[in-house]
């Protein structure tokens, strides 16, 4: 009888492992925890709808432009895609960059992403804009789909304090 119970226990364990592997095989890479960038929690933009994966993910320095995957908008701490930063999926927004806490290796000072962005790459099909005010508003800098560049050329270096996609100029 003990052998039968042991076989059922191992069978149940094998079934759980197989189901877990099947679920992870169809999951996006960030959901598996198998990528180097970790998910960073933030608040979504006030009054803006958000996609199911709206919390931006953080990434560390050293990846360059390659830190930004297709379908993401990425903001970088340094020019030309340098330093660390954060990446948002389409429909993502963050109303206050003070809520984005930088990890070791991202290069943010004094610990949050507020007034830290120096470059961007918009690899989505959607227009995004950053604002130097919290919750949007104030002047905006628009980042059309498929563009990348440095905020230093637009007078926006180290100014962004929020990100949205509704009401961009």
Protein backbone atom coordinates (compact mmCIF):
# COMPACT_ATOMS: atom_id res chain seq x y z
CA UNK A 1 0.00 0.00 0.00
CA UNK A 2 2.86 2.40 0.76
CA UNK A 3 4.26 1.81 -2.74
CA UNK A 4 0.91 2.74 -4.28
CA UNK A 5 0.69 5.95 -2.24
CA UNK A 6 4.29 6.82 -3.17
CA UNK A 7 3.51 6.30 -6.88
CA UNK A 8 0.44 8.57 -6.64
CA UNK A 9 2.50 11.25 -4.89
CA UNK A 10 5.18 11.13 -7.59
CA UNK A 11 2.52 11.12 -10.31
CA UNK A 12 0.87 14.19 -8.82
CA UNK A 13 4.25 15.92 -8.51
CA UNK A 14 5.11 15.08 -12.15
CA UNK A 15 1.73 16.43 -13.28
CA UNK A 16 2.29 19.73 -11.41
CA UNK A 17 5.78 20.11 -12.88
CA UNK A 18 4.48 19.36 -16.40
CA UNK A 19 1.63 21.87 -16.04
CA UNK A 20 4.00 24.53 -14.72
CA UNK A 21 6.41 23.97 -17.61
CA UNK A 22 3.57 24.15 -20.13
CA UNK A 23 2.30 27.42 -18.65
CA UNK A 24 5.76 28.99 -18.62
CA UNK A 25 6.48 27.87 -22.18
CA UNK A 26 3.63 30.05 -23.42
CA UNK A 27 4.34 32.97 -21.10
CA UNK A 28 6.17 36.13 -22.15
CA UNK A 29 9.87 36.11 -21.23
CA UNK A 30 9.50 38.73 -18.50
CA UNK A 31 6.84 36.61 -16.74
CA UNK A 32 9.09 33.60 -16.41
CA UNK A 33 11.70 35.44 -14.37
CA UNK A 34 14.34 34.06 -16.73
CA UNK A 35 15.46 37.41 -18.13
CA UNK A 36 17.98 39.69 -16.49
CA UNK A 37 15.68 42.75 -16.28
CA UNK A 38 13.26 42.54 -13.38
CA UNK A 39 9.75 43.88 -13.23
CA UNK A 40 9.53 47.19 -11.40
CA UNK A 41 6.25 48.21 -9.87
CA UNK A 42 4.80 51.66 -10.43
CA UNK A 43 1.54 53.54 -10.44
CA UNK A 44 -0.31 53.92 -13.72
CA UNK A 45 -1.13 57.32 -15.17
CA UNK A 46 -4.10 59.05 -13.61
CA UNK A 47 -7.13 58.96 -15.89
CA UNK A 48 -5.38 56.77 -18.45
CA UNK A 49 -6.33 53.24 -19.28
CA UNK A 50 -3.51 50.79 -19.08
CA UNK A 51 -2.71 47.48 -20.67
CA UNK A 52 -2.54 44.27 -18.67
CA UNK A 53 1.25 44.61 -18.28
CA UNK A 54 1.43 48.37 -17.68
CA UNK A 55 3.98 48.33 -14.87
CA UNK A 56 7.32 49.18 -16.47
CA UNK A 57 10.24 46.84 -16.24
CA UNK A 58 13.62 48.18 -15.18
CA UNK A 59 16.93 47.39 -16.83
CA UNK A 60 20.54 48.01 -15.80
CA UNK A 61 23.32 49.82 -17.62
CA UNK A 62 25.46 48.06 -20.18
CA UNK A 63 22.73 46.84 -22.52
CA UNK A 64 22.55 50.00 -24.66
CA UNK A 65 19.76 50.30 -27.20
CA UNK A 66 19.40 46.47 -26.98
CA UNK A 67 17.64 46.90 -23.63
CA UNK A 68 14.55 47.99 -25.57
CA UNK A 69 12.54 45.12 -27.05
CA UNK A 70 10.07 45.40 -29.94
CA UNK A 71 6.71 46.61 -28.63
CA UNK A 72 8.23 48.75 -25.85
CA UNK A 73 8.93 52.40 -25.21
CA UNK A 74 12.21 52.76 -23.31
CA UNK A 75 13.63 55.72 -21.43
CA UNK A 76 17.36 55.67 -20.65
CA UNK A 77 19.38 57.50 -17.98
CA UNK A 78 22.17 58.44 -20.43
CA UNK A 79 22.25 59.70 -24.04
CA UNK A 80 22.34 57.29 -26.99
CA UNK A 81 20.55 54.53 -25.07
CA UNK A 82 23.17 54.48 -22.34
CA UNK A 83 22.78 53.72 -18.68
CA UNK A 84 19.87 51.89 -17.20
CA UNK A 85 16.23 52.83 -17.41
CA UNK A 86 12.66 51.64 -17.71
CA UNK A 87 10.55 50.07 -20.47
CA UNK A 88 6.77 50.31 -20.97
CA UNK A 89 4.48 48.27 -23.20
CA UNK A 90 1.88 49.99 -25.38
CA UNK A 91 -0.83 51.67 -23.27
CA UNK A 92 1.62 51.94 -20.38
CA UNK A 93 1.89 55.13 -18.38
CA UNK A 94 3.42 56.36 -15.15
CA UNK A 95 2.03 59.53 -13.64
CA UNK A 96 4.93 60.19 -11.26
CA UNK A 97 8.50 59.05 -11.92
CA UNK A 98 9.25 59.50 -8.21
CA UNK A 99 7.49 56.13 -7.81
CA UNK A 100 10.05 54.40 -10.06
CA UNK A 101 12.82 53.34 -7.70
CA UNK A 102 16.15 52.72 -9.38
CA UNK A 103 18.10 49.58 -8.67
CA UNK A 104 21.83 49.33 -8.27
CA UNK A 105 23.44 49.55 -11.69
CA UNK A 106 20.82 51.77 -13.29
CA UNK A 107 22.69 55.03 -12.70
CA UNK A 108 19.79 57.05 -11.28
CA UNK A 109 20.42 59.72 -8.69
CA UNK A 110 19.13 60.21 -5.96
CA UNK A 111 17.31 56.92 -6.19
CA UNK A 112 14.25 57.51 -8.35
CA UNK A 113 13.78 58.00 -12.08
CA UNK A 114 12.38 61.54 -11.69
CA UNK A 115 14.28 64.03 -13.87
CA UNK A 116 16.72 61.32 -15.01
CA UNK A 117 15.77 60.43 -18.63
CA UNK A 118 18.25 61.48 -21.32
CA UNK A 119 17.22 59.35 -24.31
CA UNK A 120 14.33 57.24 -25.61
CA UNK A 121 13.38 54.60 -28.15
CA UNK A 122 9.72 54.10 -29.04
CA UNK A 123 9.42 50.61 -30.53
CA UNK A 124 5.62 50.59 -30.33
CA UNK A 125 3.00 51.69 -32.86
CA UNK A 126 1.75 54.31 -30.43
CA UNK A 127 2.70 57.92 -29.70
CA UNK A 128 3.96 58.55 -26.16
CA UNK A 129 4.86 61.80 -24.46
CA UNK A 130 6.80 62.76 -21.36
CA UNK A 131 5.96 65.75 -19.23
CA UNK A 132 8.01 67.72 -16.75
CA UNK A 133 4.99 67.78 -14.44
CA UNK A 134 3.52 64.96 -12.42
CA UNK A 135 0.26 63.48 -13.75
CA UNK A 136 1.03 64.88 -17.19
CA UNK A 137 0.39 68.47 -18.13
CA UNK A 138 2.94 71.25 -18.40
CA UNK A 139 4.99 71.12 -21.59
CA UNK A 140 5.17 67.75 -23.28
CA UNK A 141 7.84 66.14 -25.43
CA UNK A 142 6.26 63.79 -27.98
CA UNK A 143 7.89 60.52 -29.04
CA UNK A 144 6.17 59.23 -32.23
CA UNK A 145 6.15 55.50 -33.07
CA UNK A 146 9.45 54.13 -34.31
CA UNK A 147 11.58 57.07 -33.18
CA UNK A 148 14.57 57.22 -30.91
CA UNK A 149 16.77 60.06 -29.84
CA UNK A 150 18.32 62.14 -27.13
CA UNK A 151 16.45 64.60 -24.96
CA UNK A 152 19.59 66.75 -25.04
CA UNK A 153 18.72 67.85 -28.59
CA UNK A 154 15.19 68.89 -27.64
CA UNK A 155 15.94 70.74 -24.39
CA UNK A 156 14.41 67.90 -22.36
CA UNK A 157 17.50 66.32 -20.82
CA UNK A 158 16.80 65.21 -17.24
CA UNK A 159 13.34 66.87 -17.27
CA UNK A 160 10.73 64.08 -17.63
CA UNK A 161 8.63 63.44 -14.52
CA UNK A 162 5.73 61.46 -16.04
CA UNK A 163 4.83 59.41 -19.11
CA UNK A 164 1.52 59.11 -20.94
CA UNK A 165 0.00 58.36 -24.31
CA UNK A 166 -3.35 60.20 -24.21
CA UNK A 167 -3.45 63.85 -25.22
CA UNK A 168 0.10 63.99 -26.58
CA UNK A 169 0.62 67.00 -28.85
